[in-house]
Amino acid sequence: MTEFKVTEKQFSDAAQTFALFDKKGRGSVSTKDIGSVFKGLGLQVDEETLKGWTDDLDEEATGAIDFDQFKQIFELKLRQDEDERELRDAFRVLDKNHKGTIGVDDLKWILKSLGDDLSDEEIEAMITETDTDGSGTVDYEEFKNLMTSA
């Protein structure tokens, strides 16, 4: 994956949006409103992930996080979105027939060329685990699971 860095403009937009939800002017936002801050920035985070992030940051169980804490999860979210975009782009390139699948043979070639020194047996095991229906092809979700666990 490529080098990722949040721009000053992104942080500035985040600060402005965060401030809109700082209802008491204390420099913090209720953990219950963090999802709305993300939505205000045009980003979607599933509730379970968001709860995990806010629980980790709100160590003292105050029910609120400050902007410095929010910046951590904002950057994490942007990095995840960029990784997802790159993965989708890679999948599109490898989906030569534009059918939404990659052939197992192509996937084997990809895994060998990644240079992780995987043995043929390890690659076969990964393919078998990934192509659970034995179709000889891998769809995007299977590809994503393989690439994010590899």
C-alpha atoms as a PDB file:
ATOM      1  CA  MET A   1       0.000   0.000   0.000  1.00  0.00           C
ATOM      2  CA  THR A   2       1.149   3.519  -0.671  1.00  0.00           C
ATOM      3  CA  GLU A   3       2.323   6.099   1.844  1.00  0.00           C
ATOM      4  CA  PHE A   4      -0.706   7.751   3.396  1.00  0.00           C
ATOM      5  CA  LYS A   5      -0.892  11.198   4.967  1.00  0.00           C
ATOM      6  CA  VAL A   6      -3.876  13.273   6.021  1.00  0.00           C
ATOM      7  CA  THR A   7      -3.733  16.751   4.482  1.00  0.00           C
ATOM      8  CA  GLU A   8      -3.975  19.995   6.417  1.00  0.00           C
ATOM      9  CA  LYS A   9      -7.265  20.689   4.606  1.00  0.00           C
ATOM     10  CA  GLN A  10      -8.687  17.356   5.771  1.00  0.00           C
ATOM     11  CA  PHE A  11      -7.668  18.106   9.368  1.00  0.00           C
ATOM     12  CA  SER A  12      -9.082  21.634   9.064  1.00  0.00           C
ATOM     13  CA  ASP A  13     -12.409  20.295   7.753  1.00  0.00           C
ATOM     14  CA  ALA A  14     -12.447  17.744  10.562  1.00  0.00           C
ATOM     15  CA  ALA A  15     -11.786  20.453  13.167  1.00  0.00           C
ATOM     16  CA  GLN A  16     -14.613  22.620  11.830  1.00  0.00           C
ATOM     17  CA  THR A  17     -17.058  19.720  11.752  1.00  0.00           C
ATOM     18  CA  PHE A  18     -15.949  18.541  15.199  1.00  0.00           C
ATOM     19  CA  ALA A  19     -16.549  22.063  16.550  1.00  0.00           C
ATOM     20  CA  LEU A  20     -20.128  21.985  15.247  1.00  0.00           C
ATOM     21  CA  PHE A  21     -20.836  19.020  17.509  1.00  0.00           C
ATOM     22  CA  ASP A  22     -19.011  20.491  20.532  1.00  0.00           C
ATOM     23  CA  LYS A  23     -22.338  21.652  21.950  1.00  0.00           C
ATOM     24  CA  LYS A  24     -20.963  22.784  25.322  1.00  0.00           C
ATOM     25  CA  GLY A  25     -17.857  24.463  23.919  1.00  0.00           C
ATOM     26  CA  ARG A  26     -15.542  22.334  26.048  1.00  0.00           C
ATOM     27  CA  GLY A  27     -13.378  21.076  23.208  1.00  0.00           C
ATOM     28  CA  SER A  28     -14.946  17.631  23.308  1.00  0.00           C
ATOM     29  CA  VAL A  29     -17.810  15.766  21.693  1.00  0.00           C
ATOM     30  CA  SER A  30     -19.999  13.089  23.207  1.00  0.00           C
ATOM     31  CA  THR A  31     -18.986   9.619  22.071  1.00  0.00           C
ATOM     32  CA  LYS A  32     -22.612   9.216  20.982  1.00  0.00           C
ATOM     33  CA  ASP A  33     -22.163  12.063  18.474  1.00  0.00           C
ATOM     34  CA  ILE A  34     -18.898  10.883  16.916  1.00  0.00           C
ATOM     35  CA  GLY A  35     -20.768   8.959  14.214  1.00  0.00           C
ATOM     36  CA  SER A  36     -22.522  12.207  13.283  1.00  0.00           C
ATOM     37  CA  VAL A  37     -19.173  13.999  13.067  1.00  0.00           C
ATOM     38  CA  PHE A  38     -18.000  11.361  10.588  1.00  0.00           C
ATOM     39  CA  LYS A  39     -21.248  11.671   8.629  1.00  0.00           C
ATOM     40  CA  GLY A  40     -20.771  15.441   8.565  1.00  0.00           C
ATOM     41  CA  LEU A  41     -17.410  14.778   6.939  1.00  0.00           C
ATOM     42  CA  GLY A  42     -19.025  12.472   4.376  1.00  0.00           C
ATOM     43  CA  LEU A  43     -17.554   9.332   5.963  1.00  0.00           C
ATOM     44  CA  GLN A  44     -19.376   6.239   7.115  1.00  0.00           C
ATOM     45  CA  VAL A  45     -18.190   4.084   9.975  1.00  0.00           C
ATOM     46  CA  ASP A  46     -20.166   1.075  11.137  1.00  0.00           C
ATOM     47  CA  GLU A  47     -21.439   1.320  14.696  1.00  0.00           C
ATOM     48  CA  GLU A  48     -19.410  -1.598  16.048  1.00  0.00           C
ATOM     49  CA  THR A  49     -16.127  -0.184  14.737  1.00  0.00           C
ATOM     50  CA  LEU A  50     -16.990   3.272  16.005  1.00  0.00           C
ATOM     51  CA  LYS A  51     -17.863   1.954  19.459  1.00  0.00           C
ATOM     52  CA  GLY A  52     -14.551   0.097  19.624  1.00  0.00           C
ATOM     53  CA  TRP A  53     -12.631   3.223  18.671  1.00  0.00           C
ATOM     54  CA  THR A  54     -14.434   5.518  21.104  1.00  0.00           C
ATOM     55  CA  ASP A  55     -14.224   2.962  23.925  1.00  0.00           C
ATOM     56  CA  ASP A  56     -10.466   2.705  23.373  1.00  0.00           C
ATOM     57  CA  LEU A  57     -10.047   6.490  23.410  1.00  0.00           C
ATOM     58  CA  ASP A  58     -12.419   7.232  26.282  1.00  0.00           C
ATOM     59  CA  GLU A  59     -10.317   5.322  28.818  1.00  0.00           C
ATOM     60  CA  GLU A  60     -11.787   7.216  31.764  1.00  0.00           C
ATOM     61  CA  ALA A  61     -15.361   6.575  30.569  1.00  0.00           C
ATOM     62  CA  THR A  62     -16.217  10.273  30.456  1.00  0.00           C
ATOM     63  CA  GLY A  63     -18.566   9.762  27.506  1.00  0.00           C
ATOM     64  CA  ALA A  64     -16.646  12.314  25.435  1.00  0.00           C
ATOM     65  CA  ILE A  65     -13.484  12.594  23.361  1.00  0.00           C
ATOM     66  CA  ASP A  66     -11.466  15.686  22.516  1.00  0.00           C
ATOM     67  CA  PHE A  67     -10.255  16.716  19.077  1.00  0.00           C
ATOM     68  CA  ASP A  68      -6.769  15.240  19.500  1.00  0.00           C
ATOM     69  CA  GLN A  69      -8.387  11.892  20.228  1.00  0.00           C
ATOM     70  CA  PHE A  70     -10.788  12.316  17.321  1.00  0.00           C
ATOM     71  CA  LYS A  71      -7.859  13.056  14.986  1.00  0.00           C
ATOM     72  CA  GLN A  72      -6.503   9.585  15.749  1.00  0.00           C
ATOM     73  CA  ILE A  73      -9.641   7.796  14.602  1.00  0.00           C
ATOM     74  CA  PHE A  74     -10.206  10.250  11.741  1.00  0.00           C
ATOM     75  CA  GLU A  75      -6.759   9.423  10.370  1.00  0.00           C
ATOM     76  CA  LEU A  76      -7.371   5.722  10.918  1.00  0.00           C
ATOM     77  CA  LYS A  77     -10.663   5.925   8.998  1.00  0.00           C
ATOM     78  CA  LEU A  78      -9.100   7.813   6.086  1.00  0.00           C
ATOM     79  CA  ARG A  79      -6.255   5.287   5.950  1.00  0.00           C
ATOM     80  CA  GLN A  80      -8.749   2.392   5.913  1.00  0.00           C
ATOM     81  CA  ASP A  81     -10.727   4.047   3.124  1.00  0.00           C
ATOM     82  CA  GLU A  82      -7.551   4.574   1.078  1.00  0.00           C
ATOM     83  CA  ASP A  83      -6.488   0.952   1.622  1.00  0.00           C
ATOM     84  CA  GLU A  84      -9.954  -0.176   0.503  1.00  0.00           C
ATOM     85  CA  ARG A  85      -9.722   1.988  -2.643  1.00  0.00           C
ATOM     86  CA  GLU A  86      -6.316   0.544  -3.488  1.00  0.00           C
ATOM     87  CA  LEU A  87      -7.562  -2.994  -2.935  1.00  0.00           C
ATOM     88  CA  ARG A  88     -10.604  -2.386  -5.163  1.00  0.00           C
ATOM     89  CA  ASP A  89      -8.371  -0.883  -7.849  1.00  0.00           C
ATOM     90  CA  ALA A  90      -6.047  -3.879  -7.698  1.00  0.00           C
ATOM     91  CA  PHE A  91      -9.004  -6.243  -7.921  1.00  0.00           C
ATOM     92  CA  ARG A  92     -10.379  -4.389 -10.970  1.00  0.00           C
ATOM     93  CA  VAL A  93      -7.015  -4.680 -12.722  1.00  0.00           C
ATOM     94  CA  LEU A  94      -6.846  -8.409 -11.974  1.00  0.00           C
ATOM     95  CA  ASP A  95     -10.473  -9.007 -13.012  1.00  0.00           C
ATOM     96  CA  LYS A  96      -9.468  -9.288 -16.665  1.00  0.00           C
ATOM     97  CA  ASN A  97     -12.869 -10.476 -17.881  1.00  0.00           C
ATOM     98  CA  HIS A  98     -14.806  -7.857 -15.874  1.00  0.00           C
ATOM     99  CA  LYS A  99     -16.951 -10.549 -14.275  1.00  0.00           C
ATOM    100  CA  GLY A 100     -16.279  -9.610 -10.672  1.00  0.00           C
ATOM    101  CA  THR A 101     -13.937 -12.549 -10.119  1.00  0.00           C
ATOM    102  CA  ILE A 102     -10.256 -13.418 -10.366  1.00  0.00           C
ATOM    103  CA  GLY A 103      -9.131 -16.839 -11.539  1.00  0.00           C
ATOM    104  CA  VAL A 104      -7.342 -18.977  -8.973  1.00  0.00           C
ATOM    105  CA  ASP A 105      -4.351 -19.326 -11.316  1.00  0.00           C
ATOM    106  CA  ASP A 106      -4.004 -15.539 -11.488  1.00  0.00           C
ATOM    107  CA  LEU A 107      -4.288 -15.377  -7.716  1.00  0.00           C
ATOM    108  CA  LYS A 108      -1.523 -17.963  -7.321  1.00  0.00           C
ATOM    109  CA  TRP A 109       0.706 -15.863  -9.583  1.00  0.00           C
ATOM    110  CA  ILE A 110      -0.065 -12.746  -7.518  1.00  0.00           C
ATOM    111  CA  LEU A 111       0.761 -14.480  -4.251  1.00  0.00           C
ATOM    112  CA  LYS A 112       4.048 -15.808  -5.651  1.00  0.00           C
ATOM    113  CA  SER A 113       5.015 -12.394  -7.011  1.00  0.00           C
ATOM    114  CA  LEU A 114       4.387 -10.629  -3.696  1.00  0.00           C
ATOM    115  CA  GLY A 115       7.744 -11.983  -2.622  1.00  0.00           C
ATOM    116  CA  ASP A 116       6.665 -13.261   0.765  1.00  0.00           C
ATOM    117  CA  ASP A 117       8.635 -16.495   0.168  1.00  0.00           C
ATOM    118  CA  LEU A 118       5.487 -18.599   0.392  1.00  0.00           C
ATOM    119  CA  SER A 119       5.873 -22.246  -0.499  1.00  0.00           C
ATOM    120  CA  ASP A 120       3.592 -23.822  -3.123  1.00  0.00           C
ATOM    121  CA  GLU A 121       1.875 -25.711  -0.302  1.00  0.00           C
ATOM    122  CA  GLU A 122       1.230 -22.512   1.637  1.00  0.00           C
ATOM    123  CA  ILE A 123      -0.162 -20.826  -1.463  1.00  0.00           C
ATOM    124  CA  GLU A 124      -2.409 -23.841  -2.170  1.00  0.00           C
ATOM    125  CA  ALA A 125      -3.675 -23.746   1.407  1.00  0.00           C
ATOM    126  CA  MET A 126      -4.407 -20.026   1.126  1.00  0.00           C
ATOM    127  CA  ILE A 127      -6.261 -20.546  -2.164  1.00  0.00           C
ATOM    128  CA  THR A 128      -8.286 -23.448  -0.738  1.00  0.00           C
ATOM    129  CA  GLU A 129      -9.190 -21.367   2.294  1.00  0.00           C
ATOM    130  CA  THR A 130     -10.113 -18.401   0.092  1.00  0.00           C
ATOM    131  CA  ASP A 131     -12.027 -20.196  -2.685  1.00  0.00           C
ATOM    132  CA  THR A 132     -14.399 -21.855  -0.244  1.00  0.00           C
ATOM    133  CA  ASP A 133     -16.927 -22.898  -2.891  1.00  0.00           C
ATOM    134  CA  GLY A 134     -14.270 -24.490  -5.108  1.00  0.00           C
ATOM    135  CA  SER A 135     -15.399 -22.435  -8.104  1.00  0.00           C
ATOM    136  CA  GLY A 136     -11.866 -21.783  -9.333  1.00  0.00           C
ATOM    137  CA  THR A 137     -12.472 -18.061  -8.948  1.00  0.00           C
ATOM    138  CA  VAL A 138     -12.322 -15.515  -6.132  1.00  0.00           C
ATOM    139  CA  ASP A 139     -14.751 -12.609  -5.782  1.00  0.00           C
ATOM    140  CA  TYR A 140     -13.882  -9.253  -4.226  1.00  0.00           C
ATOM    141  CA  GLU A 141     -14.845 -10.171  -0.656  1.00  0.00           C
ATOM    142  CA  GLU A 142     -12.759 -13.363  -0.824  1.00  0.00           C
ATOM    143  CA  PHE A 143      -9.872 -11.390  -2.344  1.00  0.00           C
ATOM    144  CA  LYS A 144     -10.153  -8.711   0.355  1.00  0.00           C
ATOM    145  CA  ASN A 145     -10.151 -11.334   3.121  1.00  0.00           C
ATOM    146  CA  LEU A 146      -7.099 -12.991   1.637  1.00  0.00           C
ATOM    147  CA  MET A 147      -5.150  -9.771   1.103  1.00  0.00           C
ATOM    148  CA  THR A 148      -5.954  -8.293   4.511  1.00  0.00           C
ATOM    149  CA  SER A 149      -5.090 -11.493   6.372  1.00  0.00           C
ATOM    150  CA  ALA A 150      -1.951 -12.299   4.381  1.00  0.00           C
END
